[in-house]
Amino acid sequence: DILRSLRSKESGPRYLETSSVSGTKDPSYSIPFGGLFRYVACPNYLGECIEWTGWMLASNLSTGPTSFAIWTWAFLGLRSLSTDEWYHSKFGHEYSCLRRKRMIPFLF
């Protein structure tokens, strides 16, 4: 029963809602809602950065993990800029009025 309900169309992710811009229920182009999406455009990038920062700290600031964590923050920080720009270009005012930050809640 559990697996069957996971595969049903009604059990899709909560953040996939109908866009008022296009009026369609196409889940491939909709504004995500819920969880950290309330605050940032890319909560998955934030989680990834926190994960690698934890690895860096657990390794006692070894060179490899430290450089990888720094690279991850830099790369995903820049990537969040283009993701946010895409949301603005696709959804316009509907997305702008949400006033989300890009990757770090209340900061960036």
PDB file of N, CA and C in Angstrom:
ATOM      1  N   ASP A   1       0.808  -1.197   0.000  1.00  0.00           N
ATOM      2  CA  ASP A   1       0.000   0.000   0.000  1.00  0.00           C
ATOM      3  C   ASP A   1       0.855   1.267   0.000  1.00  0.00           C
ATOM      4  N   ILE A   2       1.903   1.257   0.799  1.00  0.00           N
ATOM      5  CA  ILE A   2       2.764   2.436   0.890  1.00  0.00           C
ATOM      6  C   ILE A   2       3.419   2.709  -0.455  1.00  0.00           C
ATOM      7  N   LEU A   3       3.987   1.697  -1.076  1.00  0.00           N
ATOM      8  CA  LEU A   3       4.643   1.896  -2.368  1.00  0.00           C
ATOM      9  C   LEU A   3       3.647   2.320  -3.438  1.00  0.00           C
ATOM     10  N   ARG A   4       2.467   1.748  -3.417  1.00  0.00           N
ATOM     11  CA  ARG A   4       1.443   2.112  -4.398  1.00  0.00           C
ATOM     12  C   ARG A   4       1.039   3.575  -4.238  1.00  0.00           C
ATOM     13  N   SER A   5       0.906   4.051  -2.988  1.00  0.00           N
ATOM     14  CA  SER A   5       0.519   5.444  -2.769  1.00  0.00           C
ATOM     15  C   SER A   5       1.634   6.398  -3.169  1.00  0.00           C
ATOM     16  N   LEU A   6       2.883   5.964  -3.052  1.00  0.00           N
ATOM     17  CA  LEU A   6       3.991   6.810  -3.483  1.00  0.00           C
ATOM     18  C   LEU A   6       4.001   6.999  -4.987  1.00  0.00           C
ATOM     19  N   ARG A   7       3.520   6.004  -5.708  1.00  0.00           N
ATOM     20  CA  ARG A   7       3.541   6.059  -7.162  1.00  0.00           C
ATOM     21  C   ARG A   7       2.288   6.692  -7.745  1.00  0.00           C
ATOM     22  N   SER A   8       1.283   6.965  -6.932  1.00  0.00           N
ATOM     23  CA  SER A   8       0.052   7.546  -7.461  1.00  0.00           C
ATOM     24  C   SER A   8       0.243   9.017  -7.778  1.00  0.00           C
ATOM     25  N   LYS A   9      -0.540   9.507  -8.698  1.00  0.00           N
ATOM     26  CA  LYS A   9      -0.423  10.904  -9.130  1.00  0.00           C
ATOM     27  C   LYS A   9      -0.802  11.880  -8.028  1.00  0.00           C
ATOM     28  N   GLU A  10      -1.685  11.497  -7.138  1.00  0.00           N
ATOM     29  CA  GLU A  10      -2.143  12.397  -6.080  1.00  0.00           C
ATOM     30  C   GLU A  10      -1.087  12.612  -4.998  1.00  0.00           C
ATOM     31  N   SER A  11      -0.082  11.759  -4.936  1.00  0.00           N
ATOM     32  CA  SER A  11       0.883  11.844  -3.847  1.00  0.00           C
ATOM     33  C   SER A  11       2.144  12.581  -4.239  1.00  0.00           C
ATOM     34  N   GLY A  12       2.074  13.455  -5.223  1.00  0.00           N
ATOM     35  CA  GLY A  12       3.243  14.213  -5.661  1.00  0.00           C
ATOM     36  C   GLY A  12       3.722  15.175  -4.589  1.00  0.00           C
ATOM     37  N   PRO A  13       4.883  15.777  -4.798  1.00  0.00           N
ATOM     38  CA  PRO A  13       5.427  16.720  -3.821  1.00  0.00           C
ATOM     39  C   PRO A  13       4.458  17.877  -3.561  1.00  0.00           C
ATOM     40  N   ARG A  14       4.413  18.347  -2.327  1.00  0.00           N
ATOM     41  CA  ARG A  14       3.512  19.440  -1.945  1.00  0.00           C
ATOM     42  C   ARG A  14       3.876  20.742  -2.622  1.00  0.00           C
ATOM     43  N   TYR A  15       5.130  20.952  -2.945  1.00  0.00           N
ATOM     44  CA  TYR A  15       5.532  22.251  -3.470  1.00  0.00           C
ATOM     45  C   TYR A  15       5.182  22.442  -4.935  1.00  0.00           C
ATOM     46  N   LEU A  16       4.695  21.417  -5.600  1.00  0.00           N
ATOM     47  CA  LEU A  16       4.314  21.561  -7.001  1.00  0.00           C
ATOM     48  C   LEU A  16       2.863  22.020  -7.075  1.00  0.00           C
ATOM     49  N   GLU A  17       2.688  23.297  -7.283  1.00  0.00           N
ATOM     50  CA  GLU A  17       1.355  23.856  -7.344  1.00  0.00           C
ATOM     51  C   GLU A  17       1.132  24.502  -8.695  1.00  0.00           C
ATOM     52  N   THR A  18      -0.103  24.798  -9.000  1.00  0.00           N
ATOM     53  CA  THR A  18      -0.431  25.431 -10.262  1.00  0.00           C
ATOM     54  C   THR A  18       0.115  26.851 -10.285  1.00  0.00           C
ATOM     55  N   SER A  19       0.774  27.195 -11.360  1.00  0.00           N
ATOM     56  CA  SER A  19       1.303  28.533 -11.515  1.00  0.00           C
ATOM     57  C   SER A  19       0.188  29.456 -11.987  1.00  0.00           C
ATOM     58  N   SER A  20       0.031  30.600 -11.321  1.00  0.00           N
ATOM     59  CA  SER A  20      -0.999  31.533 -11.750  1.00  0.00           C
ATOM     60  C   SER A  20      -0.582  32.270 -13.019  1.00  0.00           C
ATOM     61  N   VAL A  21       0.709  32.231 -13.360  1.00  0.00           N
ATOM     62  CA  VAL A  21       1.178  32.877 -14.583  1.00  0.00           C
ATOM     63  C   VAL A  21       0.725  32.089 -15.796  1.00  0.00           C
ATOM     64  N   SER A  22       1.034  30.801 -15.818  1.00  0.00           N
ATOM     65  CA  SER A  22       0.702  29.988 -16.983  1.00  0.00           C
ATOM     66  C   SER A  22      -0.674  29.339 -16.874  1.00  0.00           C
ATOM     67  N   GLY A  23      -1.181  29.175 -15.636  1.00  0.00           N
ATOM     68  CA  GLY A  23      -2.470  28.545 -15.437  1.00  0.00           C
ATOM     69  C   GLY A  23      -2.462  27.044 -15.668  1.00  0.00           C
ATOM     70  N   THR A  24      -1.277  26.458 -15.788  1.00  0.00           N
ATOM     71  CA  THR A  24      -1.186  25.029 -16.057  1.00  0.00           C
ATOM     72  C   THR A  24      -0.801  24.279 -14.798  1.00  0.00           C
ATOM     73  N   LYS A  25      -0.981  22.981 -14.845  1.00  0.00           N
ATOM     74  CA  LYS A  25      -0.565  22.125 -13.732  1.00  0.00           C
ATOM     75  C   LYS A  25       0.678  21.342 -14.111  1.00  0.00           C
ATOM     76  N   ASP A  26       1.468  21.881 -15.017  1.00  0.00           N
ATOM     77  CA  ASP A  26       2.703  21.235 -15.449  1.00  0.00           C
ATOM     78  C   ASP A  26       3.727  21.351 -14.335  1.00  0.00           C
ATOM     79  N   PRO A  27       4.092  20.234 -13.665  1.00  0.00           N
ATOM     80  CA  PRO A  27       5.011  20.326 -12.531  1.00  0.00           C
ATOM     81  C   PRO A  27       6.452  20.640 -12.922  1.00  0.00           C
ATOM     82  N   SER A  28       6.766  20.616 -14.196  1.00  0.00           N
ATOM     83  CA  SER A  28       8.152  20.872 -14.575  1.00  0.00           C
ATOM     84  C   SER A  28       8.513  22.346 -14.473  1.00  0.00           C
ATOM     85  N   TYR A  29       7.527  23.231 -14.484  1.00  0.00           N
ATOM     86  CA  TYR A  29       7.802  24.660 -14.372  1.00  0.00           C
ATOM     87  C   TYR A  29       6.840  25.294 -13.384  1.00  0.00           C
ATOM     88  N   SER A  30       7.128  25.124 -12.126  1.00  0.00           N
ATOM     89  CA  SER A  30       6.313  25.751 -11.094  1.00  0.00           C
ATOM     90  C   SER A  30       7.234  26.240  -9.986  1.00  0.00           C
ATOM     91  N   ILE A  31       6.738  27.194  -9.232  1.00  0.00           N
ATOM     92  CA  ILE A  31       7.513  27.740  -8.127  1.00  0.00           C
ATOM     93  C   ILE A  31       7.411  26.777  -6.945  1.00  0.00           C
ATOM     94  N   PRO A  32       8.540  26.308  -6.426  1.00  0.00           N
ATOM     95  CA  PRO A  32       8.483  25.402  -5.277  1.00  0.00           C
ATOM     96  C   PRO A  32       8.102  26.143  -3.996  1.00  0.00           C
ATOM     97  N   PHE A  33       7.310  25.485  -3.153  1.00  0.00           N
ATOM     98  CA  PHE A  33       6.890  26.041  -1.876  1.00  0.00           C
ATOM     99  C   PHE A  33       7.126  25.016  -0.779  1.00  0.00           C
ATOM    100  N   GLY A  34       7.148  25.471   0.456  1.00  0.00           N
ATOM    101  CA  GLY A  34       7.266  24.588   1.602  1.00  0.00           C
ATOM    102  C   GLY A  34       8.698  24.433   2.073  1.00  0.00           C
ATOM    103  N   GLY A  35       8.846  24.094   3.325  1.00  0.00           N
ATOM    104  CA  GLY A  35      10.183  23.908   3.895  1.00  0.00           C
ATOM    105  C   GLY A  35      11.024  25.169   3.768  1.00  0.00           C
ATOM    106  N   LEU A  36      12.286  24.990   3.470  1.00  0.00           N
ATOM    107  CA  LEU A  36      13.176  26.143   3.312  1.00  0.00           C
ATOM    108  C   LEU A  36      12.904  26.950   2.050  1.00  0.00           C
ATOM    109  N   PHE A  37      12.083  26.412   1.141  1.00  0.00           N
ATOM    110  CA  PHE A  37      11.709  27.188  -0.040  1.00  0.00           C
ATOM    111  C   PHE A  37      10.939  28.443   0.354  1.00  0.00           C
ATOM    112  N   ARG A  38      10.458  28.514   1.579  1.00  0.00           N
ATOM    113  CA  ARG A  38       9.796  29.739   2.049  1.00  0.00           C
ATOM    114  C   ARG A  38      10.797  30.883   2.147  1.00  0.00           C
ATOM    115  N   TYR A  39      12.075  30.558   2.321  1.00  0.00           N
ATOM    116  CA  TYR A  39      13.081  31.580   2.570  1.00  0.00           C
ATOM    117  C   TYR A  39      14.096  31.737   1.454  1.00  0.00           C
ATOM    118  N   VAL A  40      14.421  30.655   0.766  1.00  0.00           N
ATOM    119  CA  VAL A  40      15.477  30.704  -0.248  1.00  0.00           C
ATOM    120  C   VAL A  40      15.057  29.983  -1.522  1.00  0.00           C
ATOM    121  N   ALA A  41      15.704  30.364  -2.611  1.00  0.00           N
ATOM    122  CA  ALA A  41      15.442  29.742  -3.906  1.00  0.00           C
ATOM    123  C   ALA A  41      16.108  28.375  -4.016  1.00  0.00           C
ATOM    124  N   CYS A  42      17.222  28.179  -3.328  1.00  0.00           N
ATOM    125  CA  CYS A  42      18.011  26.953  -3.483  1.00  0.00           C
ATOM    126  C   CYS A  42      18.358  26.311  -2.135  1.00  0.00           C
ATOM    127  N   PRO A  43      17.380  25.787  -1.412  1.00  0.00           N
ATOM    128  CA  PRO A  43      17.713  25.163  -0.134  1.00  0.00           C
ATOM    129  C   PRO A  43      18.554  23.901  -0.291  1.00  0.00           C
ATOM    130  N   ASN A  44      18.466  23.265  -1.449  1.00  0.00           N
ATOM    131  CA  ASN A  44      19.289  22.081  -1.682  1.00  0.00           C
ATOM    132  C   ASN A  44      20.766  22.450  -1.730  1.00  0.00           C
ATOM    133  N   TYR A  45      21.091  23.606  -2.284  1.00  0.00           N
ATOM    134  CA  TYR A  45      22.483  24.065  -2.313  1.00  0.00           C
ATOM    135  C   TYR A  45      22.963  24.373  -0.896  1.00  0.00           C
ATOM    136  N   LEU A  46      22.106  24.983  -0.102  1.00  0.00           N
ATOM    137  CA  LEU A  46      22.470  25.279   1.284  1.00  0.00           C
ATOM    138  C   LEU A  46      22.767  23.984   2.037  1.00  0.00           C
ATOM    139  N   GLY A  47      21.920  22.981   1.879  1.00  0.00           N
ATOM    140  CA  GLY A  47      22.149  21.699   2.541  1.00  0.00           C
ATOM    141  C   GLY A  47      23.455  21.060   2.121  1.00  0.00           C
ATOM    142  N   GLU A  48      23.757  21.142   0.838  1.00  0.00           N
ATOM    143  CA  GLU A  48      25.014  20.591   0.320  1.00  0.00           C
ATOM    144  C   GLU A  48      26.221  21.305   0.947  1.00  0.00           C
ATOM    145  N   CYS A  49      26.138  22.621   1.033  1.00  0.00           N
ATOM    146  CA  CYS A  49      27.248  23.388   1.615  1.00  0.00           C
ATOM    147  C   CYS A  49      27.428  23.079   3.101  1.00  0.00           C
ATOM    148  N   ILE A  50      26.327  22.960   3.810  1.00  0.00           N
ATOM    149  CA  ILE A  50      26.406  22.613   5.238  1.00  0.00           C
ATOM    150  C   ILE A  50      27.019  21.228   5.411  1.00  0.00           C
ATOM    151  N   GLU A  51      26.636  20.311   4.543  1.00  0.00           N
ATOM    152  CA  GLU A  51      27.181  18.948   4.604  1.00  0.00           C
ATOM    153  C   GLU A  51      28.704  18.953   4.439  1.00  0.00           C
ATOM    154  N   TRP A  52      29.205  19.640   3.421  1.00  0.00           N
ATOM    155  CA  TRP A  52      30.646  19.650   3.177  1.00  0.00           C
ATOM    156  C   TRP A  52      31.399  20.470   4.213  1.00  0.00           C
ATOM    157  N   THR A  53      30.744  21.464   4.790  1.00  0.00           N
ATOM    158  CA  THR A  53      31.368  22.211   5.888  1.00  0.00           C
ATOM    159  C   THR A  53      31.508  21.307   7.104  1.00  0.00           C
ATOM    160  N   GLY A  54      30.515  20.483   7.356  1.00  0.00           N
ATOM    161  CA  GLY A  54      30.606  19.518   8.451  1.00  0.00           C
ATOM    162  C   GLY A  54      31.726  18.524   8.241  1.00  0.00           C
ATOM    163  N   TRP A  55      31.873  18.087   7.002  1.00  0.00           N
ATOM    164  CA  TRP A  55      32.965  17.167   6.682  1.00  0.00           C
ATOM    165  C   TRP A  55      34.313  17.850   6.901  1.00  0.00           C
ATOM    166  N   MET A  56      34.403  19.111   6.508  1.00  0.00           N
ATOM    167  CA  MET A  56      35.636  19.879   6.701  1.00  0.00           C
ATOM    168  C   MET A  56      35.964  19.976   8.195  1.00  0.00           C
ATOM    169  N   LEU A  57      34.970  20.289   9.019  1.00  0.00           N
ATOM    170  CA  LEU A  57      35.206  20.409  10.459  1.00  0.00           C
ATOM    171  C   LEU A  57      35.531  19.056  11.088  1.00  0.00           C
ATOM    172  N   ALA A  58      34.869  17.992  10.629  1.00  0.00           N
ATOM    173  CA  ALA A  58      35.141  16.658  11.158  1.00  0.00           C
ATOM    174  C   ALA A  58      36.545  16.189  10.808  1.00  0.00           C
ATOM    175  N   SER A  59      37.079  16.697   9.704  1.00  0.00           N
ATOM    176  CA  SER A  59      38.430  16.305   9.300  1.00  0.00           C
ATOM    177  C   SER A  59      39.499  17.173   9.955  1.00  0.00           C
ATOM    178  N   ASN A  60      39.090  17.999  10.909  1.00  0.00           N
ATOM    179  CA  ASN A  60      40.020  18.872  11.624  1.00  0.00           C
ATOM    180  C   ASN A  60      40.705  19.865  10.680  1.00  0.00           C
ATOM    181  N   LEU A  61      39.932  20.392   9.736  1.00  0.00           N
ATOM    182  CA  LEU A  61      40.387  21.400   8.774  1.00  0.00           C
ATOM    183  C   LEU A  61      41.549  20.925   7.899  1.00  0.00           C
ATOM    184  N   SER A  62      41.510  19.658   7.534  1.00  0.00           N
ATOM    185  CA  SER A  62      42.523  19.144   6.609  1.00  0.00           C
ATOM    186  C   SER A  62      42.414  19.880   5.277  1.00  0.00           C
ATOM    187  N   THR A  63      43.512  19.903   4.540  1.00  0.00           N
ATOM    188  CA  THR A  63      43.574  20.671   3.301  1.00  0.00           C
ATOM    189  C   THR A  63      42.530  20.241   2.267  1.00  0.00           C
ATOM    190  N   GLY A  64      42.405  18.944   2.026  1.00  0.00           N
ATOM    191  CA  GLY A  64      41.477  18.459   1.007  1.00  0.00           C
ATOM    192  C   GLY A  64      40.023  18.820   1.299  1.00  0.00           C
ATOM    193  N   PRO A  65      39.506  18.417   2.445  1.00  0.00           N
ATOM    194  CA  PRO A  65      38.121  18.756   2.763  1.00  0.00           C
ATOM    195  C   PRO A  65      37.865  20.261   2.871  1.00  0.00           C
ATOM    196  N   THR A  66      38.843  21.009   3.363  1.00  0.00           N
ATOM    197  CA  THR A  66      38.683  22.459   3.468  1.00  0.00           C
ATOM    198  C   THR A  66      38.583  23.098   2.096  1.00  0.00           C
ATOM    199  N   SER A  67      39.483  22.719   1.197  1.00  0.00           N
ATOM    200  CA  SER A  67      39.423  23.291  -0.147  1.00  0.00           C
ATOM    201  C   SER A  67      38.151  22.868  -0.874  1.00  0.00           C
ATOM    202  N   PHE A  68      37.703  21.635  -0.647  1.00  0.00           N
ATOM    203  CA  PHE A  68      36.479  21.180  -1.286  1.00  0.00           C
ATOM    204  C   PHE A  68      35.267  21.941  -0.760  1.00  0.00           C
ATOM    205  N   ALA A  69      35.213  22.177   0.553  1.00  0.00           N
ATOM    206  CA  ALA A  69      34.098  22.926   1.138  1.00  0.00           C
ATOM    207  C   ALA A  69      34.077  24.361   0.614  1.00  0.00           C
ATOM    208  N   ILE A  70      35.234  24.983   0.528  1.00  0.00           N
ATOM    209  CA  ILE A  70      35.306  26.353   0.005  1.00  0.00           C
ATOM    210  C   ILE A  70      34.858  26.380  -1.447  1.00  0.00           C
ATOM    211  N   TRP A  71      35.341  25.435  -2.235  1.00  0.00           N
ATOM    212  CA  TRP A  71      34.950  25.366  -3.641  1.00  0.00           C
ATOM    213  C   TRP A  71      33.447  25.152  -3.771  1.00  0.00           C
ATOM    214  N   THR A  72      32.873  24.290  -2.929  1.00  0.00           N
ATOM    215  CA  THR A  72      31.438  24.022  -2.973  1.00  0.00           C
ATOM    216  C   THR A  72      30.633  25.273  -2.658  1.00  0.00           C
ATOM    217  N   TRP A  73      31.012  26.014  -1.612  1.00  0.00           N
ATOM    218  CA  TRP A  73      30.323  27.262  -1.278  1.00  0.00           C
ATOM    219  C   TRP A  73      30.404  28.254  -2.439  1.00  0.00           C
ATOM    220  N   ALA A  74      31.583  28.376  -3.028  1.00  0.00           N
ATOM    221  CA  ALA A  74      31.748  29.331  -4.131  1.00  0.00           C
ATOM    222  C   ALA A  74      30.934  28.916  -5.357  1.00  0.00           C
ATOM    223  N   PHE A  75      31.056  27.668  -5.747  1.00  0.00           N
ATOM    224  CA  PHE A  75      30.367  27.200  -6.952  1.00  0.00           C
ATOM    225  C   PHE A  75      28.849  27.252  -6.789  1.00  0.00           C
ATOM    226  N   LEU A  76      28.341  26.707  -5.688  1.00  0.00           N
ATOM    227  CA  LEU A  76      26.891  26.681  -5.498  1.00  0.00           C
ATOM    228  C   LEU A  76      26.333  28.067  -5.196  1.00  0.00           C
ATOM    229  N   GLY A  77      27.137  28.928  -4.589  1.00  0.00           N
ATOM    230  CA  GLY A  77      26.704  30.315  -4.396  1.00  0.00           C
ATOM    231  C   GLY A  77      26.482  31.010  -5.728  1.00  0.00           C
ATOM    232  N   LEU A  78      27.415  30.821  -6.654  1.00  0.00           N
ATOM    233  CA  LEU A  78      27.258  31.399  -7.992  1.00  0.00           C
ATOM    234  C   LEU A  78      26.123  30.734  -8.753  1.00  0.00           C
ATOM    235  N   ARG A  79      25.982  29.448  -8.580  1.00  0.00           N
ATOM    236  CA  ARG A  79      24.908  28.721  -9.256  1.00  0.00           C
ATOM    237  C   ARG A  79      23.538  29.192  -8.767  1.00  0.00           C
ATOM    238  N   SER A  80      23.446  29.540  -7.477  1.00  0.00           N
ATOM    239  CA  SER A  80      22.176  30.030  -6.942  1.00  0.00           C
ATOM    240  C   SER A  80      21.778  31.361  -7.567  1.00  0.00           C
ATOM    241  N   LEU A  81      22.770  32.152  -7.986  1.00  0.00           N
ATOM    242  CA  LEU A  81      22.466  33.410  -8.679  1.00  0.00           C
ATOM    243  C   LEU A  81      21.726  33.142  -9.983  1.00  0.00           C
ATOM    244  N   SER A  82      22.240  32.203 -10.770  1.00  0.00           N
ATOM    245  CA  SER A  82      21.597  31.915 -12.051  1.00  0.00           C
ATOM    246  C   SER A  82      20.242  31.232 -11.858  1.00  0.00           C
ATOM    247  N   THR A  83      20.098  30.417 -10.822  1.00  0.00           N
ATOM    248  CA  THR A  83      18.808  29.790 -10.546  1.00  0.00           C
ATOM    249  C   THR A  83      17.779  30.846 -10.186  1.00  0.00           C
ATOM    250  N   ASP A  84      18.165  31.791  -9.348  1.00  0.00           N
ATOM    251  CA  ASP A  84      17.258  32.868  -8.952  1.00  0.00           C
ATOM    252  C   ASP A  84      16.873  33.733 -10.156  1.00  0.00           C
ATOM    253  N   GLU A  85      17.838  34.023 -11.012  1.00  0.00           N
ATOM    254  CA  GLU A  85      17.547  34.793 -12.231  1.00  0.00           C
ATOM    255  C   GLU A  85      16.571  34.037 -13.124  1.00  0.00           C
ATOM    256  N   TRP A  86      16.714  32.712 -13.218  1.00  0.00           N
ATOM    257  CA  TRP A  86      15.808  31.926 -14.034  1.00  0.00           C
ATOM    258  C   TRP A  86      14.390  32.003 -13.489  1.00  0.00           C
ATOM    259  N   TYR A  87      14.238  31.879 -12.163  1.00  0.00           N
ATOM    260  CA  TYR A  87      12.911  31.991 -11.554  1.00  0.00           C
ATOM    261  C   TYR A  87      12.294  33.352 -11.867  1.00  0.00           C
ATOM    262  N   HIS A  88      13.106  34.408 -11.769  1.00  0.00           N
ATOM    263  CA  HIS A  88      12.598  35.755 -12.070  1.00  0.00           C
ATOM    264  C   HIS A  88      12.170  35.864 -13.531  1.00  0.00           C
ATOM    265  N   SER A  89      12.961  35.309 -14.439  1.00  0.00           N
ATOM    266  CA  SER A  89      12.617  35.415 -15.856  1.00  0.00           C
ATOM    267  C   SER A  89      11.401  34.564 -16.215  1.00  0.00           C
ATOM    268  N   LYS A  90      11.234  33.446 -15.554  1.00  0.00           N
ATOM    269  CA  LYS A  90      10.128  32.528 -15.868  1.00  0.00           C
ATOM    270  C   LYS A  90       8.816  32.976 -15.239  1.00  0.00           C
ATOM    271  N   PHE A  91       8.859  33.467 -13.996  1.00  0.00           N
ATOM    272  CA  PHE A  91       7.633  33.755 -13.255  1.00  0.00           C
ATOM    273  C   PHE A  91       7.406  35.229 -12.952  1.00  0.00           C
ATOM    274  N   GLY A  92       8.402  36.078 -13.186  1.00  0.00           N
ATOM    275  CA  GLY A  92       8.230  37.520 -13.027  1.00  0.00           C
ATOM    276  C   GLY A  92       7.772  37.945 -11.652  1.00  0.00           C
ATOM    277  N   HIS A  93       6.716  38.748 -11.628  1.00  0.00           N
ATOM    278  CA  HIS A  93       6.225  39.332 -10.368  1.00  0.00           C
ATOM    279  C   HIS A  93       5.737  38.268  -9.386  1.00  0.00           C
ATOM    280  N   GLU A  94       5.187  37.185  -9.895  1.00  0.00           N
ATOM    281  CA  GLU A  94       4.703  36.109  -9.023  1.00  0.00           C
ATOM    282  C   GLU A  94       5.838  35.576  -8.148  1.00  0.00           C
ATOM    283  N   TYR A  95       7.037  35.517  -8.706  1.00  0.00           N
ATOM    284  CA  TYR A  95       8.193  35.051  -7.934  1.00  0.00           C
ATOM    285  C   TYR A  95       8.806  36.194  -7.123  1.00  0.00           C
ATOM    286  N   SER A  96       8.886  37.373  -7.704  1.00  0.00           N
ATOM    287  CA  SER A  96       9.501  38.521  -7.029  1.00  0.00           C
ATOM    288  C   SER A  96       8.805  38.869  -5.722  1.00  0.00           C
ATOM    289  N   CYS A  97       7.492  38.741  -5.692  1.00  0.00           N
ATOM    290  CA  CYS A  97       6.756  39.124  -4.487  1.00  0.00           C
ATOM    291  C   CYS A  97       7.021  38.167  -3.324  1.00  0.00           C
ATOM    292  N   LEU A  98       7.621  37.010  -3.573  1.00  0.00           N
ATOM    293  CA  LEU A  98       7.961  36.081  -2.491  1.00  0.00           C
ATOM    294  C   LEU A  98       9.144  36.569  -1.665  1.00  0.00           C
ATOM    295  N   ARG A  99       9.966  37.430  -2.255  1.00  0.00           N
ATOM    296  CA  ARG A  99      11.136  38.035  -1.579  1.00  0.00           C
ATOM    297  C   ARG A  99      12.064  36.996  -0.952  1.00  0.00           C
ATOM    298  N   ARG A 100      12.360  35.971  -1.714  1.00  0.00           N
ATOM    299  CA  ARG A 100      13.271  34.932  -1.240  1.00  0.00           C
ATOM    300  C   ARG A 100      14.713  35.364  -1.441  1.00  0.00           C
ATOM    301  N   LYS A 101      15.559  34.905  -0.561  1.00  0.00           N
ATOM    302  CA  LYS A 101      16.996  35.055  -0.771  1.00  0.00           C
ATOM    303  C   LYS A 101      17.424  33.926  -1.694  1.00  0.00           C
ATOM    304  N   ARG A 102      18.676  33.945  -2.115  1.00  0.00           N
ATOM    305  CA  ARG A 102      19.125  32.947  -3.080  1.00  0.00           C
ATOM    306  C   ARG A 102      19.498  31.615  -2.427  1.00  0.00           C
ATOM    307  N   MET A 103      20.323  31.676  -1.370  1.00  0.00           N
ATOM    308  CA  MET A 103      20.805  30.420  -0.805  1.00  0.00           C
ATOM    309  C   MET A 103      20.843  30.411   0.717  1.00  0.00           C
ATOM    310  N   ILE A 104      21.140  31.522   1.353  1.00  0.00           N
ATOM    311  CA  ILE A 104      21.258  31.582   2.805  1.00  0.00           C
ATOM    312  C   ILE A 104      20.096  32.419   3.340  1.00  0.00           C
ATOM    313  N   PRO A 105      19.209  31.837   4.144  1.00  0.00           N
ATOM    314  CA  PRO A 105      18.048  32.588   4.639  1.00  0.00           C
ATOM    315  C   PRO A 105      18.440  33.912   5.299  1.00  0.00           C
ATOM    316  N   PHE A 106      17.739  34.963   4.926  1.00  0.00           N
ATOM    317  CA  PHE A 106      17.879  36.318   5.474  1.00  0.00           C
ATOM    318  C   PHE A 106      19.183  37.015   5.107  1.00  0.00           C
ATOM    319  N   LEU A 107      20.110  36.365   4.394  1.00  0.00           N
ATOM    320  CA  LEU A 107      21.397  36.979   4.063  1.00  0.00           C
ATOM    321  C   LEU A 107      21.660  37.087   2.568  1.00  0.00           C
ATOM    322  N   PHE A 108      21.668  35.953   1.875  1.00  0.00           N
ATOM    323  CA  PHE A 108      22.074  35.925   0.461  1.00  0.00           C
ATOM    324  C   PHE A 108      21.156  35.044  -0.330  1.00  0.00           C
TER     325      PHE A 108
END
